[in-house]
Every structure is written in C-alpha cells, then in structure tokens.
C-alpha atoms as a PDB file:
ATOM      1  CA  MET A   1      36.661  49.741 107.877  1.00  0.00           C
ATOM      2  CA  THR A   2      39.469  48.221 105.870  1.00  0.00           C
ATOM      3  CA  GLU A   3      37.814  45.391 103.933  1.00  0.00           C
ATOM      4  CA  LEU A   4      35.168  45.609 101.260  1.00  0.00           C
ATOM      5  CA  SER A   5      33.684  42.738  99.311  1.00  0.00           C
ATOM      6  CA  ALA A   6      33.746  43.033  95.541  1.00  0.00           C
ATOM      7  CA  ASP A   7      30.012  43.796  95.533  1.00  0.00           C
ATOM      8  CA  ALA A   8      30.347  46.434  98.244  1.00  0.00           C
ATOM      9  CA  GLY A   9      33.294  48.024  96.439  1.00  0.00           C
ATOM     10  CA  ASN A  10      31.372  48.155  93.154  1.00  0.00           C
ATOM     11  CA  ALA A  11      28.329  49.643  94.875  1.00  0.00           C
ATOM     12  CA  LEU A  12      30.471  52.230  96.641  1.00  0.00           C
ATOM     13  CA  ARG A  13      32.165  53.190  93.360  1.00  0.00           C
ATOM     14  CA  SER A  14      28.713  53.633  91.786  1.00  0.00           C
ATOM     15  CA  ALA A  15      27.620  55.850  94.669  1.00  0.00           C
ATOM     16  CA  LEU A  16      30.854  57.820  94.375  1.00  0.00           C
ATOM     17  CA  SER A  17      30.294  58.274  90.638  1.00  0.00           C
ATOM     18  CA  ALA A  18      26.810  59.605  91.368  1.00  0.00           C
ATOM     19  CA  GLU A  19      28.270  62.016  93.935  1.00  0.00           C
ATOM     20  CA  HIS A  20      30.825  63.283  91.400  1.00  0.00           C
ATOM     21  CA  ALA A  21      28.061  63.839  88.849  1.00  0.00           C
ATOM     22  CA  ALA A  22      25.823  65.537  91.414  1.00  0.00           C
ATOM     23  CA  LEU A  23      28.566  67.996  92.323  1.00  0.00           C
ATOM     24  CA  TRP A  24      29.045  68.840  88.640  1.00  0.00           C
ATOM     25  CA  VAL A  25      25.285  69.268  88.146  1.00  0.00           C
ATOM     26  CA  TYR A  26      25.021  71.521  91.198  1.00  0.00           C
ATOM     27  CA  GLY A  27      27.750  73.696  89.702  1.00  0.00           C
ATOM     28  CA  LEU A  28      25.736  73.990  86.501  1.00  0.00           C
ATOM     29  CA  ALA A  29      22.491  74.667  88.368  1.00  0.00           C
ATOM     30  CA  SER A  30      24.082  77.444  90.399  1.00  0.00           C
ATOM     31  CA  ALA A  31      24.448  79.459  87.195  1.00  0.00           C
ATOM     32  CA  PHE A  32      20.643  79.469  86.844  1.00  0.00           C
ATOM     33  CA  ALA A  33      19.686  80.000  90.492  1.00  0.00           C
ATOM     34  CA  GLY A  34      17.795  83.265  90.577  1.00  0.00           C
ATOM     35  CA  GLU A  35      16.414  83.141  94.106  1.00  0.00           C
ATOM     36  CA  ALA A  36      18.496  83.515  97.252  1.00  0.00           C
ATOM     37  CA  ARG A  37      16.768  80.532  98.906  1.00  0.00           C
ATOM     38  CA  VAL A  38      17.658  78.352  95.917  1.00  0.00           C
ATOM     39  CA  ARG A  39      21.284  79.507  95.978  1.00  0.00           C
ATOM     40  CA  ASP A  40      21.439  78.767  99.720  1.00  0.00           C
ATOM     41  CA  ALA A  41      19.952  75.293  99.209  1.00  0.00           C
ATOM     42  CA  ILE A  42      22.468  74.625  96.434  1.00  0.00           C
ATOM     43  CA  ASP A  43      25.348  75.672  98.692  1.00  0.00           C
ATOM     44  CA  ASP A  44      24.111  73.376 101.462  1.00  0.00           C
ATOM     45  CA  ALA A  45      23.677  70.452  99.062  1.00  0.00           C
ATOM     46  CA  VAL A  46      27.159  70.928  97.626  1.00  0.00           C
ATOM     47  CA  ALA A  47      28.673  70.752 101.109  1.00  0.00           C
ATOM     48  CA  GLN A  48      26.773  67.541 101.875  1.00  0.00           C
ATOM     49  CA  HIS A  49      27.693  65.938  98.549  1.00  0.00           C
ATOM     50  CA  GLN A  50      31.359  66.865  99.078  1.00  0.00           C
ATOM     51  CA  ARG A  51      31.265  65.249 102.515  1.00  0.00           C
ATOM     52  CA  LEU A  52      29.760  62.030 101.142  1.00  0.00           C
ATOM     53  CA  ARG A  53      32.191  62.032  98.213  1.00  0.00           C
ATOM     54  CA  ASP A  54      35.154  62.400 100.548  1.00  0.00           C
ATOM     55  CA  THR A  55      33.869  59.647 102.840  1.00  0.00           C
ATOM     56  CA  ALA A  56      33.382  57.255  99.907  1.00  0.00           C
ATOM     57  CA  GLU A  57      36.845  58.018  98.521  1.00  0.00           C
ATOM     58  CA  ARG A  58      38.413  57.438 101.935  1.00  0.00           C
ATOM     59  CA  ALA A  59      36.582  54.111 102.389  1.00  0.00           C
ATOM     60  CA  LEU A  60      37.766  52.871  99.002  1.00  0.00           C
ATOM     61  CA  ARG A  61      41.330  54.037  99.690  1.00  0.00           C
ATOM     62  CA  ASP A  62      41.348  52.390 103.141  1.00  0.00           C
ATOM     63  CA  ALA A  63      40.179  49.130 101.547  1.00  0.00           C
ATOM     64  CA  ALA A  64      42.898  49.413  98.872  1.00  0.00           C
ATOM     65  CA  GLN A  65      40.247  49.397  96.146  1.00  0.00           C
ATOM     66  CA  PRO A  66      40.193  51.603  93.067  1.00  0.00           C
ATOM     67  CA  SER A  67      38.174  54.784  93.236  1.00  0.00           C
ATOM     68  CA  ALA A  68      35.777  56.345  90.740  1.00  0.00           C
ATOM     69  CA  VAL A  69      37.156  59.378  88.967  1.00  0.00           C
ATOM     70  CA  ALA A  70      35.145  62.529  88.344  1.00  0.00           C
ATOM     71  CA  GLN A  71      34.544  63.310  84.701  1.00  0.00           C
ATOM     72  CA  PRO A  72      35.319  66.739  83.251  1.00  0.00           C
ATOM     73  CA  ALA A  73      31.663  67.043  82.131  1.00  0.00           C
ATOM     74  CA  TYR A  74      28.433  65.057  82.200  1.00  0.00           C
ATOM     75  CA  ASP A  75      25.654  64.625  79.644  1.00  0.00           C
ATOM     76  CA  VAL A  76      22.555  66.194  81.157  1.00  0.00           C
ATOM     77  CA  GLY A  77      20.257  64.861  78.455  1.00  0.00           C
ATOM     78  CA  GLU A  78      18.252  68.019  77.860  1.00  0.00           C
ATOM     79  CA  PRO A  79      18.925  71.748  77.702  1.00  0.00           C
ATOM     80  CA  VAL A  80      19.081  73.744  80.907  1.00  0.00           C
ATOM     81  CA  GLY A  81      18.092  77.345  80.378  1.00  0.00           C
ATOM     82  CA  ASP A  82      16.383  78.568  83.519  1.00  0.00           C
ATOM     83  CA  GLN A  83      16.018  77.915  87.232  1.00  0.00           C
ATOM     84  CA  LYS A  84      13.148  75.431  86.807  1.00  0.00           C
ATOM     85  CA  SER A  85      14.982  73.243  84.296  1.00  0.00           C
ATOM     86  CA  ALA A  86      18.127  73.409  86.439  1.00  0.00           C
ATOM     87  CA  ILE A  87      16.166  72.228  89.488  1.00  0.00           C
ATOM     88  CA  GLY A  88      14.638  69.442  87.402  1.00  0.00           C
ATOM     89  CA  LEU A  89      18.179  68.310  86.662  1.00  0.00           C
ATOM     90  CA  LEU A  90      19.011  68.447  90.387  1.00  0.00           C
ATOM     91  CA  VAL A  91      16.106  66.076  91.063  1.00  0.00           C
ATOM     92  CA  LYS A  92      17.610  63.611  88.579  1.00  0.00           C
ATOM     93  CA  ALA A  93      21.051  63.929  90.185  1.00  0.00           C
ATOM     94  CA  GLU A  94      19.604  63.301  93.640  1.00  0.00           C
ATOM     95  CA  ASN A  95      17.725  60.262  92.316  1.00  0.00           C
ATOM     96  CA  ASP A  96      20.994  58.872  90.951  1.00  0.00           C
ATOM     97  CA  CYS A  97      22.621  59.372  94.356  1.00  0.00           C
ATOM     98  CA  GLU A  98      19.687  57.616  96.035  1.00  0.00           C
ATOM     99  CA  ILE A  99      20.165  54.606  93.744  1.00  0.00           C
ATOM    100  CA  GLY A 100      23.905  54.517  94.436  1.00  0.00           C
ATOM    101  CA  TRP A 101      23.605  54.707  98.210  1.00  0.00           C
ATOM    102  CA  ARG A 102      20.759  52.198  98.342  1.00  0.00           C
ATOM    103  CA  SER A 103      22.976  49.769  96.459  1.00  0.00           C
ATOM    104  CA  VAL A 104      25.678  50.251  99.078  1.00  0.00           C
ATOM    105  CA  LEU A 105      23.135  49.487 101.814  1.00  0.00           C
ATOM    106  CA  GLU A 106      22.152  46.300 100.013  1.00  0.00           C
ATOM    107  CA  ASN A 107      25.732  45.123  99.481  1.00  0.00           C
ATOM    108  CA  THR A 108      27.559  45.622 102.758  1.00  0.00           C
ATOM    109  CA  GLU A 109      27.290  44.482 106.353  1.00  0.00           C
ATOM    110  CA  ASP A 110      29.866  47.013 107.590  1.00  0.00           C
ATOM    111  CA  ALA A 111      28.102  49.202 110.179  1.00  0.00           C
ATOM    112  CA  ALA A 112      30.048  52.381 109.424  1.00  0.00           C
ATOM    113  CA  LEU A 113      29.558  52.084 105.683  1.00  0.00           C
ATOM    114  CA  ARG A 114      25.870  51.281 106.158  1.00  0.00           C
ATOM    115  CA  GLY A 115      25.553  54.435 108.261  1.00  0.00           C
ATOM    116  CA  THR A 116      27.150  56.505 105.512  1.00  0.00           C
ATOM    117  CA  ALA A 117      24.925  54.875 102.898  1.00  0.00           C
ATOM    118  CA  LEU A 118      21.791  55.517 104.940  1.00  0.00           C
ATOM    119  CA  ASP A 119      22.859  59.142 105.376  1.00  0.00           C
ATOM    120  CA  GLY A 120      23.440  59.468 101.632  1.00  0.00           C
ATOM    121  CA  LEU A 121      20.119  57.841 100.765  1.00  0.00           C
ATOM    122  CA  THR A 122      18.023  59.871 103.195  1.00  0.00           C
ATOM    123  CA  THR A 123      19.635  63.243 102.511  1.00  0.00           C
ATOM    124  CA  SER A 124      19.335  62.752  98.741  1.00  0.00           C
ATOM    125  CA  ALA A 125      15.700  61.678  99.068  1.00  0.00           C
ATOM    126  CA  THR A 126      14.938  64.686 101.258  1.00  0.00           C
ATOM    127  CA  ARG A 127      16.642  67.101  98.873  1.00  0.00           C
ATOM    128  CA  ALA A 128      14.892  65.576  95.844  1.00  0.00           C
ATOM    129  CA  THR A 129      11.539  66.069  97.581  1.00  0.00           C
ATOM    130  CA  ARG A 130      12.361  69.683  98.410  1.00  0.00           C
ATOM    131  CA  TRP A 131      13.443  70.363  94.825  1.00  0.00           C
ATOM    132  CA  ARG A 132      10.239  68.788  93.466  1.00  0.00           C
ATOM    133  CA  LEU A 133       8.199  71.003  95.791  1.00  0.00           C
ATOM    134  CA  THR A 134      10.176  74.055  94.660  1.00  0.00           C
ATOM    135  CA  ILE A 135       9.201  73.522  91.019  1.00  0.00           C
ATOM    136  CA  GLY A 136       5.713  72.184  91.738  1.00  0.00           C
ATOM    137  CA  GLN A 137       6.417  68.666  90.512  1.00  0.00           C
ATOM    138  CA  GLN A 138       3.941  66.028  91.674  1.00  0.00           C
ATOM    139  CA  PRO A 139       4.161  63.656  93.291  1.00  0.00           C
ATOM    140  CA  ALA A 140       6.724  65.416  95.429  1.00  0.00           C
ATOM    141  CA  THR A 141       7.917  62.284  97.201  1.00  0.00           C
ATOM    142  CA  ASN A 142       9.118  58.919  96.033  1.00  0.00           C
ATOM    143  CA  PRO A 143       7.668  56.166  98.244  1.00  0.00           C
ATOM    144  CA  PHE A 144      10.714  53.935  97.673  1.00  0.00           C
ATOM    145  CA  PRO A 145      13.832  56.123  97.498  1.00  0.00           C
ATOM    146  CA  GLY A 146      16.718  54.611  95.631  1.00  0.00           C
ATOM    147  CA  GLN A 147      14.669  52.158  93.645  1.00  0.00           C
ATOM    148  CA  PRO A 148      15.951  52.173  90.055  1.00  0.00           C
END
C-alpha cells in the first residue's frame, strides 16, 4: 500500500493515536497488576498493540503521510489505585482502539489496510470483553464494537 485518501489517512492517524494511548495505559496498569494471569494478559496485549502501532506507522510512512506522535502522558480521567480500577481503564483504552480501527475500516478500500483494521478491531473487542469479565462488569460484551 502506498496511497491513502485523506479520510483513510486521518482515520489511520486516529487509530495510531489510540494505540499510543493504549500502550501508555497498559504501562500504568502493569503497576497495579497483582495477579499473574493479569500480568500475562497485559504482556500479551502490549505485544499486540505494539504490532498494530508499528503497522500503522509503516502504512503512514509508506504513503508519505504524517504520523501521530505518542504523548509523554495521557489524562486517564479518574484515579487508578488498584487492579480493578486499572483494568477499568484498560477497557476504556480498548474501546478507543475499537473506535479508531472501525473508522479505518469505514474509510479505506485497501485490502491490506482493511485486514489490519479488522485485526485491530476484533482483538481490541476481545480484550475489552475479557477485561470486563475479569472485573465482573456487565454487560461483558459490546454488541457493536467500535461504535462511538
């Protein structure tokens, strides 16, 4: 892929921004992860978010479009003081990624980019569901992932 429409580029930058924020949030959450299974799930999620981030950056670079830059910190909106509140924040980060990747799906016809966007949307939706189940949040699933 070497061309991106303006809409596709904007959507991809939004998804990339969400991936940057998610990686930051996962770093914060790891400080509050008390259970080994939660730490393992965080490690797995970080690897997947890094992969999607790198793919989005490469697609923007290949299309000679500007990238989204990671911020040094992000406003989490509410205090995080334990594992449950940290996981609640992870759900929000995954929801933001879902919205970003769904927007990419809606704004490009490029098969490779659509595949990446579908991967990003489905993995974020799956992780958000697992995190909701971990903290007992109901409903655990969102019937329309990525809907703002």
